Amino acid sequence: LKPEDTAVYYCAAARGSNPSVVYS
């Protein structure tokens, strides 16, 4: 870890229809 990693971290879920896609 680096000081620039300091942040509030959130997890999220996507319903997206394509099972092979990564959403960014």
PDB file of all heavy atoms in Angstrom:
ATOM      1  N   LEU A   1       0.819  -1.211   0.000  1.00  0.00           N
ATOM      2  CA  LEU A   1       0.000   0.000   0.000  1.00  0.00           C
ATOM      3  C   LEU A   1       0.852   1.260   0.000  1.00  0.00           C
ATOM      4  O   LEU A   1       1.947   1.296   0.583  1.00  0.00           O
ATOM      5  CB  LEU A   1      -0.933  -0.005   1.210  1.00  0.00           C
ATOM      6  CG  LEU A   1      -2.153  -0.919   1.052  1.00  0.00           C
ATOM      7  CD1 LEU A   1      -2.772  -1.250   2.395  1.00  0.00           C
ATOM      8  CD2 LEU A   1      -3.175  -0.276   0.137  1.00  0.00           C
ATOM      9  N   LYS A   2       0.309   2.280  -0.661  1.00  0.00           N
ATOM     10  CA  LYS A   2       0.987   3.556  -0.787  1.00  0.00           C
ATOM     11  C   LYS A   2       0.092   4.656  -0.214  1.00  0.00           C
ATOM     12  O   LYS A   2      -1.130   4.499  -0.181  1.00  0.00           O
ATOM     13  CB  LYS A   2       1.251   3.865  -2.261  1.00  0.00           C
ATOM     14  CG  LYS A   2       2.022   2.791  -3.003  1.00  0.00           C
ATOM     15  CD  LYS A   2       2.123   3.130  -4.483  1.00  0.00           C
ATOM     16  CE  LYS A   2       2.870   2.055  -5.249  1.00  0.00           C
ATOM     17  NZ  LYS A   2       2.986   2.365  -6.694  1.00  0.00           N
ATOM     18  N   PRO A   3       0.660   5.771   0.204  1.00  0.00           N
ATOM     19  CA  PRO A   3      -0.172   6.873   0.710  1.00  0.00           C
ATOM     20  C   PRO A   3      -1.246   7.305  -0.283  1.00  0.00           C
ATOM     21  O   PRO A   3      -2.350   7.683   0.133  1.00  0.00           O
ATOM     22  CB  PRO A   3       0.848   7.981   0.964  1.00  0.00           C
ATOM     23  CG  PRO A   3       2.102   7.258   1.304  1.00  0.00           C
ATOM     24  CD  PRO A   3       2.098   6.051   0.402  1.00  0.00           C
ATOM     25  N   GLU A   4      -0.951   7.206  -1.559  1.00  0.00           N
ATOM     26  CA  GLU A   4      -1.948   7.612  -2.557  1.00  0.00           C
ATOM     27  C   GLU A   4      -3.104   6.627  -2.682  1.00  0.00           C
ATOM     28  O   GLU A   4      -4.067   6.892  -3.414  1.00  0.00           O
ATOM     29  CB  GLU A   4      -1.285   7.811  -3.932  1.00  0.00           C
ATOM     30  CG  GLU A   4      -0.417   6.677  -4.400  1.00  0.00           C
ATOM     31  CD  GLU A   4       1.054   6.902  -4.079  1.00  0.00           C
ATOM     32  OE1 GLU A   4       1.368   7.374  -2.956  1.00  0.00           O
ATOM     33  OE2 GLU A   4       1.889   6.584  -4.955  1.00  0.00           O
ATOM     34  N   ASP A   5      -3.036   5.511  -1.983  1.00  0.00           N
ATOM     35  CA  ASP A   5      -4.173   4.586  -1.932  1.00  0.00           C
ATOM     36  C   ASP A   5      -5.199   5.013  -0.889  1.00  0.00           C
ATOM     37  O   ASP A   5      -6.269   4.406  -0.782  1.00  0.00           O
ATOM     38  CB  ASP A   5      -3.693   3.172  -1.609  1.00  0.00           C
ATOM     39  CG  ASP A   5      -2.851   2.560  -2.711  1.00  0.00           C
ATOM     40  OD1 ASP A   5      -3.187   2.750  -3.899  1.00  0.00           O
ATOM     41  OD2 ASP A   5      -1.845   1.898  -2.381  1.00  0.00           O
ATOM     42  N   THR A   6      -4.888   6.027  -0.110  1.00  0.00           N
ATOM     43  CA  THR A   6      -5.816   6.523   0.901  1.00  0.00           C
ATOM     44  C   THR A   6      -7.101   7.015   0.245  1.00  0.00           C
ATOM     45  O   THR A   6      -7.064   7.852  -0.664  1.00  0.00           O
ATOM     46  CB  THR A   6      -5.168   7.664   1.701  1.00  0.00           C
ATOM     47  OG1 THR A   6      -4.056   7.151   2.433  1.00  0.00           O
ATOM     48  CG2 THR A   6      -6.170   8.287   2.663  1.00  0.00           C
ATOM     49  N   ALA A   7      -8.217   6.473   0.702  1.00  0.00           N
ATOM     50  CA  ALA A   7      -9.520   6.809   0.099  1.00  0.00           C
ATOM     51  C   ALA A   7     -10.614   6.071   0.852  1.00  0.00           C
ATOM     52  O   ALA A   7     -10.340   5.192   1.681  1.00  0.00           O
ATOM     53  CB  ALA A   7      -9.553   6.406  -1.371  1.00  0.00           C
ATOM     54  N   VAL A   8     -11.834   6.421   0.525  1.00  0.00           N
ATOM     55  CA  VAL A   8     -12.977   5.614   0.933  1.00  0.00           C
ATOM     56  C   VAL A   8     -13.209   4.590  -0.177  1.00  0.00           C
ATOM     57  O   VAL A   8     -13.314   4.962  -1.349  1.00  0.00           O
ATOM     58  CB  VAL A   8     -14.238   6.470   1.147  1.00  0.00           C
ATOM     59  CG1 VAL A   8     -15.432   5.574   1.489  1.00  0.00           C
ATOM     60  CG2 VAL A   8     -14.002   7.494   2.252  1.00  0.00           C
ATOM     61  N   TYR A   9     -13.272   3.338   0.202  1.00  0.00           N
ATOM     62  CA  TYR A   9     -13.422   2.249  -0.754  1.00  0.00           C
ATOM     63  C   TYR A   9     -14.861   1.738  -0.735  1.00  0.00           C
ATOM     64  O   TYR A   9     -15.451   1.543   0.335  1.00  0.00           O
ATOM     65  CB  TYR A   9     -12.455   1.118  -0.425  1.00  0.00           C
ATOM     66  CG  TYR A   9     -11.035   1.422  -0.839  1.00  0.00           C
ATOM     67  CD1 TYR A   9     -10.274   2.355  -0.153  1.00  0.00           C
ATOM     68  CD2 TYR A   9     -10.471   0.793  -1.950  1.00  0.00           C
ATOM     69  CE1 TYR A   9      -8.988   2.657  -0.551  1.00  0.00           C
ATOM     70  CE2 TYR A   9      -9.179   1.091  -2.355  1.00  0.00           C
ATOM     71  CZ  TYR A   9      -8.443   2.025  -1.649  1.00  0.00           C
ATOM     72  OH  TYR A   9      -7.161   2.316  -2.045  1.00  0.00           O
ATOM     73  N   TYR A  10     -15.378   1.502  -1.935  1.00  0.00           N
ATOM     74  CA  TYR A  10     -16.759   1.048  -2.100  1.00  0.00           C
ATOM     75  C   TYR A  10     -16.788  -0.237  -2.929  1.00  0.00           C
ATOM     76  O   TYR A  10     -16.084  -0.336  -3.940  1.00  0.00           O
ATOM     77  CB  TYR A  10     -17.593   2.083  -2.836  1.00  0.00           C
ATOM     78  CG  TYR A  10     -17.706   3.426  -2.167  1.00  0.00           C
ATOM     79  CD1 TYR A  10     -16.751   4.411  -2.382  1.00  0.00           C
ATOM     80  CD2 TYR A  10     -18.778   3.713  -1.325  1.00  0.00           C
ATOM     81  CE1 TYR A  10     -16.847   5.652  -1.776  1.00  0.00           C
ATOM     82  CE2 TYR A  10     -18.891   4.954  -0.712  1.00  0.00           C
ATOM     83  CZ  TYR A  10     -17.922   5.914  -0.945  1.00  0.00           C
ATOM     84  OH  TYR A  10     -18.040   7.143  -0.345  1.00  0.00           O
ATOM     85  N   CYS A  11     -17.615  -1.178  -2.518  1.00  0.00           N
ATOM     86  CA  CYS A  11     -17.899  -2.298  -3.404  1.00  0.00           C
ATOM     87  C   CYS A  11     -19.231  -2.037  -4.089  1.00  0.00           C
ATOM     88  O   CYS A  11     -20.070  -1.284  -3.581  1.00  0.00           O
ATOM     89  CB  CYS A  11     -17.919  -3.631  -2.668  1.00  0.00           C
ATOM     90  SG  CYS A  11     -19.262  -3.834  -1.493  1.00  0.00           S
ATOM     91  N   ALA A  12     -19.398  -2.652  -5.245  1.00  0.00           N
ATOM     92  CA  ALA A  12     -20.603  -2.408  -6.029  1.00  0.00           C
ATOM     93  C   ALA A  12     -20.957  -3.651  -6.829  1.00  0.00           C
ATOM     94  O   ALA A  12     -20.088  -4.455  -7.165  1.00  0.00           O
ATOM     95  CB  ALA A  12     -20.394  -1.223  -6.965  1.00  0.00           C
ATOM     96  N   ALA A  13     -22.236  -3.782  -7.134  1.00  0.00           N
ATOM     97  CA  ALA A  13     -22.738  -4.919  -7.902  1.00  0.00           C
ATOM     98  C   ALA A  13     -23.495  -4.424  -9.121  1.00  0.00           C
ATOM     99  O   ALA A  13     -24.262  -3.455  -9.044  1.00  0.00           O
ATOM    100  CB  ALA A  13     -23.659  -5.776  -7.023  1.00  0.00           C
ATOM    101  N   ALA A  14     -23.267  -5.112 -10.235  1.00  0.00           N
ATOM    102  CA  ALA A  14     -23.913  -4.744 -11.486  1.00  0.00           C
ATOM    103  C   ALA A  14     -24.770  -5.893 -11.991  1.00  0.00           C
ATOM    104  O   ALA A  14     -24.300  -7.036 -12.042  1.00  0.00           O
ATOM    105  CB  ALA A  14     -22.859  -4.372 -12.531  1.00  0.00           C
ATOM    106  N   ARG A  15     -25.990  -5.592 -12.388  1.00  0.00           N
ATOM    107  CA  ARG A  15     -26.887  -6.630 -12.895  1.00  0.00           C
ATOM    108  C   ARG A  15     -26.498  -7.078 -14.296  1.00  0.00           C
ATOM    109  O   ARG A  15     -26.826  -8.187 -14.689  1.00  0.00           O
ATOM    110  CB  ARG A  15     -28.321  -6.107 -12.928  1.00  0.00           C
ATOM    111  CG  ARG A  15     -28.974  -5.918 -11.564  1.00  0.00           C
ATOM    112  CD  ARG A  15     -30.469  -5.723 -11.729  1.00  0.00           C
ATOM    113  NE  ARG A  15     -30.749  -4.533 -12.529  1.00  0.00           N
ATOM    114  CZ  ARG A  15     -31.112  -3.365 -12.024  1.00  0.00           C
ATOM    115  NH1 ARG A  15     -31.230  -3.234 -10.718  1.00  0.00           N
ATOM    116  NH2 ARG A  15     -31.361  -2.337 -12.798  1.00  0.00           N
ATOM    117  N   GLY A  16     -25.780  -6.288 -15.046  1.00  0.00           N
ATOM    118  CA  GLY A  16     -25.413  -6.453 -16.440  1.00  0.00           C
ATOM    119  C   GLY A  16     -25.661  -7.820 -17.042  1.00  0.00           C
ATOM    120  O   GLY A  16     -25.400  -8.845 -16.460  1.00  0.00           O
ATOM    121  N   SER A  17     -26.133  -7.836 -18.248  1.00  0.00           N
ATOM    122  CA  SER A  17     -26.619  -9.058 -18.869  1.00  0.00           C
ATOM    123  C   SER A  17     -25.518  -9.950 -19.425  1.00  0.00           C
ATOM    124  O   SER A  17     -25.717 -11.146 -19.583  1.00  0.00           O
ATOM    125  CB  SER A  17     -27.587  -8.695 -19.998  1.00  0.00           C
ATOM    126  OG  SER A  17     -26.931  -7.880 -20.962  1.00  0.00           O
ATOM    127  N   ASN A  18     -24.348  -9.403 -19.728  1.00  0.00           N
ATOM    128  CA  ASN A  18     -23.291 -10.185 -20.350  1.00  0.00           C
ATOM    129  C   ASN A  18     -22.402 -10.811 -19.282  1.00  0.00           C
ATOM    130  O   ASN A  18     -21.700 -10.104 -18.573  1.00  0.00           O
ATOM    131  CB  ASN A  18     -22.461  -9.291 -21.277  1.00  0.00           C
ATOM    132  CG  ASN A  18     -21.536 -10.099 -22.154  1.00  0.00           C
ATOM    133  OD1 ASN A  18     -21.036 -11.144 -21.761  1.00  0.00           O
ATOM    134  ND2 ASN A  18     -21.304  -9.603 -23.356  1.00  0.00           N
ATOM    135  N   PRO A  19     -22.399 -12.139 -19.162  1.00  0.00           N
ATOM    136  CA  PRO A  19     -21.671 -12.790 -18.060  1.00  0.00           C
ATOM    137  C   PRO A  19     -20.162 -12.731 -18.181  1.00  0.00           C
ATOM    138  O   PRO A  19     -19.461 -13.017 -17.216  1.00  0.00           O
ATOM    139  CB  PRO A  19     -22.171 -14.237 -18.129  1.00  0.00           C
ATOM    140  CG  PRO A  19     -22.561 -14.427 -19.555  1.00  0.00           C
ATOM    141  CD  PRO A  19     -23.112 -13.102 -19.999  1.00  0.00           C
ATOM    142  N   SER A  20     -19.626 -12.360 -19.329  1.00  0.00           N
ATOM    143  CA  SER A  20     -18.169 -12.358 -19.492  1.00  0.00           C
ATOM    144  C   SER A  20     -17.572 -10.958 -19.447  1.00  0.00           C
ATOM    145  O   SER A  20     -16.380 -10.786 -19.631  1.00  0.00           O
ATOM    146  CB  SER A  20     -17.800 -13.017 -20.817  1.00  0.00           C
ATOM    147  OG  SER A  20     -18.354 -12.281 -21.902  1.00  0.00           O
ATOM    148  N   VAL A  21     -18.412  -9.968 -19.190  1.00  0.00           N
ATOM    149  CA  VAL A  21     -17.954  -8.583 -19.239  1.00  0.00           C
ATOM    150  C   VAL A  21     -17.581  -8.078 -17.855  1.00  0.00           C
ATOM    151  O   VAL A  21     -18.281  -8.336 -16.873  1.00  0.00           O
ATOM    152  CB  VAL A  21     -19.037  -7.677 -19.852  1.00  0.00           C
ATOM    153  CG1 VAL A  21     -18.652  -6.210 -19.725  1.00  0.00           C
ATOM    154  CG2 VAL A  21     -19.264  -8.038 -21.313  1.00  0.00           C
ATOM    155  N   VAL A  22     -16.461  -7.349 -17.803  1.00  0.00           N
ATOM    156  CA  VAL A  22     -16.058  -6.659 -16.591  1.00  0.00           C
ATOM    157  C   VAL A  22     -16.436  -5.195 -16.750  1.00  0.00           C
ATOM    158  O   VAL A  22     -16.121  -4.576 -17.767  1.00  0.00           O
ATOM    159  CB  VAL A  22     -14.540  -6.779 -16.365  1.00  0.00           C
ATOM    160  CG1 VAL A  22     -14.130  -6.041 -15.106  1.00  0.00           C
ATOM    161  CG2 VAL A  22     -14.142  -8.243 -16.271  1.00  0.00           C
ATOM    162  N   TYR A  23     -17.089  -4.659 -15.754  1.00  0.00           N
ATOM    163  CA  TYR A  23     -17.558  -3.272 -15.823  1.00  0.00           C
ATOM    164  C   TYR A  23     -16.646  -2.365 -15.013  1.00  0.00           C
ATOM    165  O   TYR A  23     -16.382  -2.640 -13.842  1.00  0.00           O
ATOM    166  CB  TYR A  23     -18.998  -3.175 -15.303  1.00  0.00           C
ATOM    167  CG  TYR A  23     -19.965  -4.016 -16.084  1.00  0.00           C
ATOM    168  CD1 TYR A  23     -20.462  -5.207 -15.568  1.00  0.00           C
ATOM    169  CD2 TYR A  23     -20.379  -3.622 -17.351  1.00  0.00           C
ATOM    170  CE1 TYR A  23     -21.340  -5.978 -16.292  1.00  0.00           C
ATOM    171  CE2 TYR A  23     -21.258  -4.397 -18.081  1.00  0.00           C
ATOM    172  CZ  TYR A  23     -21.737  -5.575 -17.547  1.00  0.00           C
ATOM    173  OH  TYR A  23     -22.604  -6.346 -18.268  1.00  0.00           O
ATOM    174  N   SER A  24     -16.185  -1.301 -15.623  1.00  0.00           N
ATOM    175  CA  SER A  24     -15.261  -0.402 -14.933  1.00  0.00           C
ATOM    176  C   SER A  24     -15.808   1.008 -14.749  1.00  0.00           C
ATOM    177  O   SER A  24     -15.110   1.872 -14.227  1.00  0.00           O
ATOM    178  CB  SER A  24     -13.944  -0.325 -15.707  1.00  0.00           C
ATOM    179  OG  SER A  24     -14.164   0.161 -17.020  1.00  0.00           O
TER     180      SER A  24
END
